[in-house]
């Protein structure tokens, strides 16, 4: 069931997520979880790192959270995160790696650039559960004003 604002509370802006994912099936599943379960979160999707950078450069307001696949065409997710962290105006964007990789080397490389690392499960039910928990966690963190670099 979608989370709604409490009765009598002031409406708030949705927490804004930018998904950088080249697999259309994975992107569809993530979008579906947002549509079904999060009225207080907005998802935008781009399919590669270059488009993500174009989106960030042209944005009036940056997303609150970036969900980034590692294996992207043209520029990897790690390259995107390196650019993101080098740019002062984007350092406050929370970034979570969302990948099929479970390799320790990928996790170590991502830890210096991302605020979280999530391996995409293979099964549909588990994938949906993990995405739901991930979104819940980051919406709550953003609402609470947690700082970048806090443990996930």
C-alpha atoms as a PDB file:
ATOM      1  CA  UNK A   1       0.000   0.000   0.000  1.00  0.00           C
ATOM      2  CA  UNK A   2       1.368   3.439  -0.884  1.00  0.00           C
ATOM      3  CA  UNK A   3       2.456   5.618   1.981  1.00  0.00           C
ATOM      4  CA  UNK A   4       0.355   8.728   2.281  1.00  0.00           C
ATOM      5  CA  UNK A   5       0.991  11.808   4.368  1.00  0.00           C
ATOM      6  CA  UNK A   6      -0.485  11.762   7.848  1.00  0.00           C
ATOM      7  CA  UNK A   7      -3.858  13.433   8.247  1.00  0.00           C
ATOM      8  CA  UNK A   8      -3.387  17.073   9.195  1.00  0.00           C
ATOM      9  CA  UNK A   9       0.314  17.120   8.302  1.00  0.00           C
ATOM     10  CA  UNK A  10       1.774  19.555   5.826  1.00  0.00           C
ATOM     11  CA  UNK A  11       2.322  18.150   2.339  1.00  0.00           C
ATOM     12  CA  UNK A  12       5.979  17.703   1.486  1.00  0.00           C
ATOM     13  CA  UNK A  13       7.849  17.437  -1.759  1.00  0.00           C
ATOM     14  CA  UNK A  14       8.431  13.844  -2.816  1.00  0.00           C
ATOM     15  CA  UNK A  15      11.920  12.448  -2.337  1.00  0.00           C
ATOM     16  CA  UNK A  16      13.388  12.451  -5.829  1.00  0.00           C
ATOM     17  CA  UNK A  17      15.294   9.446  -7.163  1.00  0.00           C
ATOM     18  CA  UNK A  18      17.219   9.194 -10.413  1.00  0.00           C
ATOM     19  CA  UNK A  19      17.677   5.612 -11.604  1.00  0.00           C
ATOM     20  CA  UNK A  20      20.624   5.062 -13.938  1.00  0.00           C
ATOM     21  CA  UNK A  21      19.925   1.630 -15.390  1.00  0.00           C
ATOM     22  CA  UNK A  22      20.430   0.253 -18.902  1.00  0.00           C
ATOM     23  CA  UNK A  23      18.461  -2.972 -18.418  1.00  0.00           C
ATOM     24  CA  UNK A  24      14.855  -2.137 -19.381  1.00  0.00           C
ATOM     25  CA  UNK A  25      13.428  -5.034 -17.365  1.00  0.00           C
ATOM     26  CA  UNK A  26      15.211  -3.957 -14.190  1.00  0.00           C
ATOM     27  CA  UNK A  27      14.181  -0.345 -14.766  1.00  0.00           C
ATOM     28  CA  UNK A  28      10.555  -1.404 -15.242  1.00  0.00           C
ATOM     29  CA  UNK A  29      10.585  -3.426 -12.011  1.00  0.00           C
ATOM     30  CA  UNK A  30      12.036  -0.531 -10.021  1.00  0.00           C
ATOM     31  CA  UNK A  31       9.533   1.910 -11.527  1.00  0.00           C
ATOM     32  CA  UNK A  32       6.693  -0.493 -10.730  1.00  0.00           C
ATOM     33  CA  UNK A  33       7.701  -0.668  -7.062  1.00  0.00           C
ATOM     34  CA  UNK A  34       7.678   3.130  -6.867  1.00  0.00           C
ATOM     35  CA  UNK A  35       4.259   3.334  -8.518  1.00  0.00           C
ATOM     36  CA  UNK A  36       2.718   0.689  -6.277  1.00  0.00           C
ATOM     37  CA  UNK A  37       4.205   1.565  -2.930  1.00  0.00           C
ATOM     38  CA  UNK A  38       5.594   5.069  -2.643  1.00  0.00           C
ATOM     39  CA  UNK A  39       3.330   8.082  -2.991  1.00  0.00           C
ATOM     40  CA  UNK A  40       6.040  10.209  -1.336  1.00  0.00           C
ATOM     41  CA  UNK A  41       8.836   9.341  -3.770  1.00  0.00           C
ATOM     42  CA  UNK A  42       9.336  10.260  -7.425  1.00  0.00           C
ATOM     43  CA  UNK A  43      11.443   8.253  -9.838  1.00  0.00           C
ATOM     44  CA  UNK A  44      13.080   9.419 -13.024  1.00  0.00           C
ATOM     45  CA  UNK A  45      14.993   6.983 -15.221  1.00  0.00           C
ATOM     46  CA  UNK A  46      17.883   7.360 -17.658  1.00  0.00           C
ATOM     47  CA  UNK A  47      19.654   4.482 -19.362  1.00  0.00           C
ATOM     48  CA  UNK A  48      23.295   5.526 -19.195  1.00  0.00           C
ATOM     49  CA  UNK A  49      25.783   7.669 -17.287  1.00  0.00           C
ATOM     50  CA  UNK A  50      26.070  10.347 -19.966  1.00  0.00           C
ATOM     51  CA  UNK A  51      22.320  10.915 -19.902  1.00  0.00           C
ATOM     52  CA  UNK A  52      22.466  11.046 -16.105  1.00  0.00           C
ATOM     53  CA  UNK A  53      25.120  13.766 -16.269  1.00  0.00           C
ATOM     54  CA  UNK A  54      23.092  15.677 -18.881  1.00  0.00           C
ATOM     55  CA  UNK A  55      20.066  15.411 -16.605  1.00  0.00           C
ATOM     56  CA  UNK A  56      22.056  16.667 -13.593  1.00  0.00           C
ATOM     57  CA  UNK A  57      23.595  19.551 -15.534  1.00  0.00           C
ATOM     58  CA  UNK A  58      20.196  20.718 -16.761  1.00  0.00           C
ATOM     59  CA  UNK A  59      18.315  20.181 -13.519  1.00  0.00           C
ATOM     60  CA  UNK A  60      16.675  22.994 -11.671  1.00  0.00           C
ATOM     61  CA  UNK A  61      16.729  20.721  -8.631  1.00  0.00           C
ATOM     62  CA  UNK A  62      19.044  17.748  -8.235  1.00  0.00           C
ATOM     63  CA  UNK A  63      17.641  14.374  -7.252  1.00  0.00           C
ATOM     64  CA  UNK A  64      17.908  13.427  -3.594  1.00  0.00           C
ATOM     65  CA  UNK A  65      19.128   9.900  -4.354  1.00  0.00           C
ATOM     66  CA  UNK A  66      20.886   8.377  -7.343  1.00  0.00           C
ATOM     67  CA  UNK A  67      20.421   4.623  -7.923  1.00  0.00           C
ATOM     68  CA  UNK A  68      23.296   3.577 -10.173  1.00  0.00           C
ATOM     69  CA  UNK A  69      24.034   0.333 -11.970  1.00  0.00           C
ATOM     70  CA  UNK A  70      27.763  -0.405 -12.295  1.00  0.00           C
ATOM     71  CA  UNK A  71      27.772  -1.926 -15.772  1.00  0.00           C
ATOM     72  CA  UNK A  72      26.521   0.865 -18.027  1.00  0.00           C
ATOM     73  CA  UNK A  73      27.237   1.639 -21.689  1.00  0.00           C
ATOM     74  CA  UNK A  74      29.708   4.428 -22.603  1.00  0.00           C
ATOM     75  CA  UNK A  75      30.692   5.247 -18.992  1.00  0.00           C
ATOM     76  CA  UNK A  76      30.548   2.932 -15.986  1.00  0.00           C
ATOM     77  CA  UNK A  77      28.573   3.590 -12.845  1.00  0.00           C
ATOM     78  CA  UNK A  78      31.840   4.115 -10.961  1.00  0.00           C
ATOM     79  CA  UNK A  79      32.936   6.726 -13.501  1.00  0.00           C
ATOM     80  CA  UNK A  80      29.607   8.481 -13.061  1.00  0.00           C
ATOM     81  CA  UNK A  81      30.006   8.472  -9.289  1.00  0.00           C
ATOM     82  CA  UNK A  82      33.559   9.845  -9.598  1.00  0.00           C
ATOM     83  CA  UNK A  83      32.258  12.795 -11.628  1.00  0.00           C
ATOM     84  CA  UNK A  84      29.393  13.246  -9.180  1.00  0.00           C
ATOM     85  CA  UNK A  85      31.694  13.402  -6.146  1.00  0.00           C
ATOM     86  CA  UNK A  86      34.162  15.727  -7.871  1.00  0.00           C
ATOM     87  CA  UNK A  87      31.493  18.340  -8.603  1.00  0.00           C
ATOM     88  CA  UNK A  88      30.768  20.503  -5.513  1.00  0.00           C
ATOM     89  CA  UNK A  89      27.118  21.125  -6.395  1.00  0.00           C
ATOM     90  CA  UNK A  90      26.418  17.369  -6.601  1.00  0.00           C
ATOM     91  CA  UNK A  91      28.328  16.146  -3.534  1.00  0.00           C
ATOM     92  CA  UNK A  92      25.162  16.257  -1.429  1.00  0.00           C
ATOM     93  CA  UNK A  93      23.321  13.774  -3.635  1.00  0.00           C
ATOM     94  CA  UNK A  94      23.071  10.412  -1.952  1.00  0.00           C
ATOM     95  CA  UNK A  95      24.218   7.615  -4.250  1.00  0.00           C
ATOM     96  CA  UNK A  96      23.442   3.912  -4.041  1.00  0.00           C
ATOM     97  CA  UNK A  97      24.943   1.295  -6.310  1.00  0.00           C
ATOM     98  CA  UNK A  98      22.239  -1.116  -7.482  1.00  0.00           C
ATOM     99  CA  UNK A  99      23.936  -3.907  -9.397  1.00  0.00           C
ATOM    100  CA  UNK A 100      23.896  -7.597 -10.253  1.00  0.00           C
ATOM    101  CA  UNK A 101      27.510  -7.810  -9.065  1.00  0.00           C
ATOM    102  CA  UNK A 102      28.240  -9.340  -5.694  1.00  0.00           C
ATOM    103  CA  UNK A 103      32.017  -9.116  -6.141  1.00  0.00           C
ATOM    104  CA  UNK A 104      33.974  -7.828  -3.153  1.00  0.00           C
ATOM    105  CA  UNK A 105      36.193  -5.810  -5.501  1.00  0.00           C
ATOM    106  CA  UNK A 106      33.156  -3.917  -6.866  1.00  0.00           C
ATOM    107  CA  UNK A 107      31.874  -3.314  -3.342  1.00  0.00           C
ATOM    108  CA  UNK A 108      35.271  -1.958  -2.234  1.00  0.00           C
ATOM    109  CA  UNK A 109      35.596   0.356  -5.243  1.00  0.00           C
ATOM    110  CA  UNK A 110      32.058   1.635  -4.800  1.00  0.00           C
ATOM    111  CA  UNK A 111      32.437   2.228  -1.046  1.00  0.00           C
ATOM    112  CA  UNK A 112      34.601   5.303  -1.623  1.00  0.00           C
ATOM    113  CA  UNK A 113      32.003   6.897  -3.894  1.00  0.00           C
ATOM    114  CA  UNK A 114      28.581   5.597  -2.882  1.00  0.00           C
ATOM    115  CA  UNK A 115      26.480   5.720   0.254  1.00  0.00           C
ATOM    116  CA  UNK A 116      25.235   2.178  -0.247  1.00  0.00           C
ATOM    117  CA  UNK A 117      25.722  -0.973  -2.291  1.00  0.00           C
ATOM    118  CA  UNK A 118      22.851  -3.330  -3.100  1.00  0.00           C
ATOM    119  CA  UNK A 119      23.110  -6.519  -5.131  1.00  0.00           C
ATOM    120  CA  UNK A 120      20.005  -7.099  -7.240  1.00  0.00           C
ATOM    121  CA  UNK A 121      18.414 -10.424  -6.365  1.00  0.00           C
ATOM    122  CA  UNK A 122      17.633 -12.864  -9.173  1.00  0.00           C
ATOM    123  CA  UNK A 123      14.080 -13.825  -8.141  1.00  0.00           C
ATOM    124  CA  UNK A 124      11.168 -11.459  -8.784  1.00  0.00           C
ATOM    125  CA  UNK A 125       9.699 -11.609  -5.261  1.00  0.00           C
ATOM    126  CA  UNK A 126      13.075 -10.977  -3.657  1.00  0.00           C
ATOM    127  CA  UNK A 127      13.881  -8.206  -6.169  1.00  0.00           C
ATOM    128  CA  UNK A 128      10.634  -6.416  -5.301  1.00  0.00           C
ATOM    129  CA  UNK A 129      11.262  -6.819  -1.562  1.00  0.00           C
ATOM    130  CA  UNK A 130      14.794  -5.455  -1.796  1.00  0.00           C
ATOM    131  CA  UNK A 131      13.717  -2.457  -3.894  1.00  0.00           C
ATOM    132  CA  UNK A 132      10.890  -1.719  -1.482  1.00  0.00           C
ATOM    133  CA  UNK A 133      13.247  -1.804   1.506  1.00  0.00           C
ATOM    134  CA  UNK A 134      15.850   0.269  -0.331  1.00  0.00           C
ATOM    135  CA  UNK A 135      13.352   2.983  -1.211  1.00  0.00           C
ATOM    136  CA  UNK A 136      11.827   2.982   2.281  1.00  0.00           C
ATOM    137  CA  UNK A 137      15.280   3.344   3.814  1.00  0.00           C
ATOM    138  CA  UNK A 138      16.358   6.248   1.622  1.00  0.00           C
ATOM    139  CA  UNK A 139      13.056   8.103   1.788  1.00  0.00           C
ATOM    140  CA  UNK A 140      13.247   7.898   5.576  1.00  0.00           C
ATOM    141  CA  UNK A 141      16.909   9.017   5.563  1.00  0.00           C
ATOM    142  CA  UNK A 142      16.160  11.955   3.286  1.00  0.00           C
ATOM    143  CA  UNK A 143      13.166  12.973   5.373  1.00  0.00           C
ATOM    144  CA  UNK A 144      15.300  12.805   8.520  1.00  0.00           C
ATOM    145  CA  UNK A 145      18.020  14.920   6.884  1.00  0.00           C
ATOM    146  CA  UNK A 146      20.714  12.253   7.191  1.00  0.00           C
ATOM    147  CA  UNK A 147      24.040  13.312   5.778  1.00  0.00           C
ATOM    148  CA  UNK A 148      25.885  11.779   2.877  1.00  0.00           C
ATOM    149  CA  UNK A 149      28.306   9.095   3.936  1.00  0.00           C
ATOM    150  CA  UNK A 150      26.202   7.819   6.819  1.00  0.00           C
ATOM    151  CA  UNK A 151      26.172   4.027   7.063  1.00  0.00           C
ATOM    152  CA  UNK A 152      23.395   2.246   5.164  1.00  0.00           C
END
